[in-house]
Amino acid sequence: MPNYGICRSCGAAIEWCRTENGKNVPLDADPFDDGNVVKIGRGLVRCLDKDESYSGDRFVSHFATCDFAHLHRKPRKLK
């Protein structure tokens, strides 16, 4: 079941999904012609490889389109 919401910073409609690695990711709710994220199951997404073709709906992470994304990113853990 999709988990839709609103970005707290810019007010855009987003859909919360989970990557194959179990990380939560906010997607812009509407498909994007040049998007690099595809849905592979209920609430599960994966990134397309750079030259991979895909004929279905493509999406983009809201971090790529939100002017305030830097306020919500978590710092990366160093290995």
Protein backbone atom coordinates (compact mmCIF):
# COMPACT_ATOMS: atom_id res chain seq x y z
CA MET A 1 0.00 0.00 0.00
CA PRO A 2 1.50 3.36 -1.02
CA ASN A 3 2.50 5.76 1.72
CA TYR A 4 1.85 9.25 0.37
CA GLY A 5 2.74 12.44 2.18
CA ILE A 6 3.71 16.07 1.78
CA CYS A 7 7.26 17.43 1.96
CA ARG A 8 7.57 19.43 5.18
CA SER A 9 9.75 22.03 3.49
CA CYS A 10 8.37 22.67 0.00
CA GLY A 11 4.85 21.21 0.22
CA ALA A 12 5.25 18.84 -2.76
CA ALA A 13 3.39 15.53 -2.89
CA ILE A 14 5.76 12.62 -2.19
CA GLU A 15 5.52 8.86 -1.89
CA TRP A 16 7.63 7.06 0.70
CA CYS A 17 9.14 3.85 -0.63
CA ARG A 18 11.87 1.45 0.39
CA THR A 19 14.95 0.49 -1.61
CA GLU A 20 16.12 -3.07 -2.11
CA ASN A 21 18.64 -2.37 0.66
CA GLY A 22 15.87 -1.44 3.11
CA LYS A 23 16.41 2.33 3.12
CA ASN A 24 13.45 4.72 3.05
CA VAL A 25 13.38 7.12 0.12
CA PRO A 26 10.92 9.92 -0.72
CA LEU A 27 9.90 9.95 -4.38
CA ASP A 28 8.13 12.72 -6.22
CA ALA A 29 4.57 11.41 -6.49
CA ASP A 30 4.29 11.98 -10.24
CA PRO A 31 6.30 10.01 -12.82
CA PHE A 32 9.28 11.78 -14.38
CA ASP A 33 10.33 11.16 -18.01
CA ASP A 34 14.04 10.95 -17.19
CA GLY A 35 13.62 9.39 -13.76
CA ASN A 36 16.11 6.79 -12.59
CA VAL A 37 13.94 5.02 -9.99
CA VAL A 38 11.37 2.33 -10.81
CA LYS A 39 8.83 0.54 -8.68
CA ILE A 40 9.39 -3.22 -8.45
CA GLY A 41 6.75 -4.11 -5.89
CA ARG A 42 4.40 -2.67 -3.31
CA GLY A 43 6.39 0.25 -1.95
CA LEU A 44 9.68 -1.26 -3.15
CA VAL A 45 11.91 0.57 -5.63
CA ARG A 46 15.27 0.23 -7.32
CA CYS A 47 17.55 2.54 -9.29
CA LEU A 48 18.06 1.90 -12.96
CA ASP A 49 21.58 1.42 -14.26
CA LYS A 50 22.84 4.38 -16.30
CA ASP A 51 22.11 2.90 -19.75
CA GLU A 52 19.31 0.51 -18.74
CA SER A 53 16.12 0.80 -20.77
CA TYR A 54 12.74 0.66 -19.05
CA SER A 55 9.32 1.21 -20.61
CA GLY A 56 7.23 1.69 -17.46
CA ASP A 57 6.79 4.72 -15.21
CA ARG A 58 10.00 6.24 -13.91
CA PHE A 59 10.32 8.32 -10.78
CA VAL A 60 12.90 10.54 -9.16
CA SER A 61 13.98 10.90 -5.55
CA HIS A 62 12.52 14.02 -3.99
CA PHE A 63 16.03 14.80 -2.73
CA ALA A 64 16.90 15.60 -6.37
CA THR A 65 14.07 18.10 -6.85
CA CYS A 66 13.50 19.74 -3.45
CA ASP A 67 15.21 23.08 -2.86
CA PHE A 68 15.42 22.21 0.84
CA ALA A 69 16.77 18.65 0.56
CA HIS A 70 19.97 19.56 2.40
CA LEU A 71 17.90 20.15 5.54
CA HIS A 72 16.66 16.55 5.60
CA ARG A 73 19.63 14.46 4.49
CA LYS A 74 21.22 12.29 7.12
CA PRO A 75 25.01 12.30 7.26
CA ARG A 76 26.68 9.30 5.68
CA LYS A 77 28.28 6.79 8.01
CA LEU A 78 31.99 6.32 7.46
CA LYS A 79 33.17 2.75 7.20
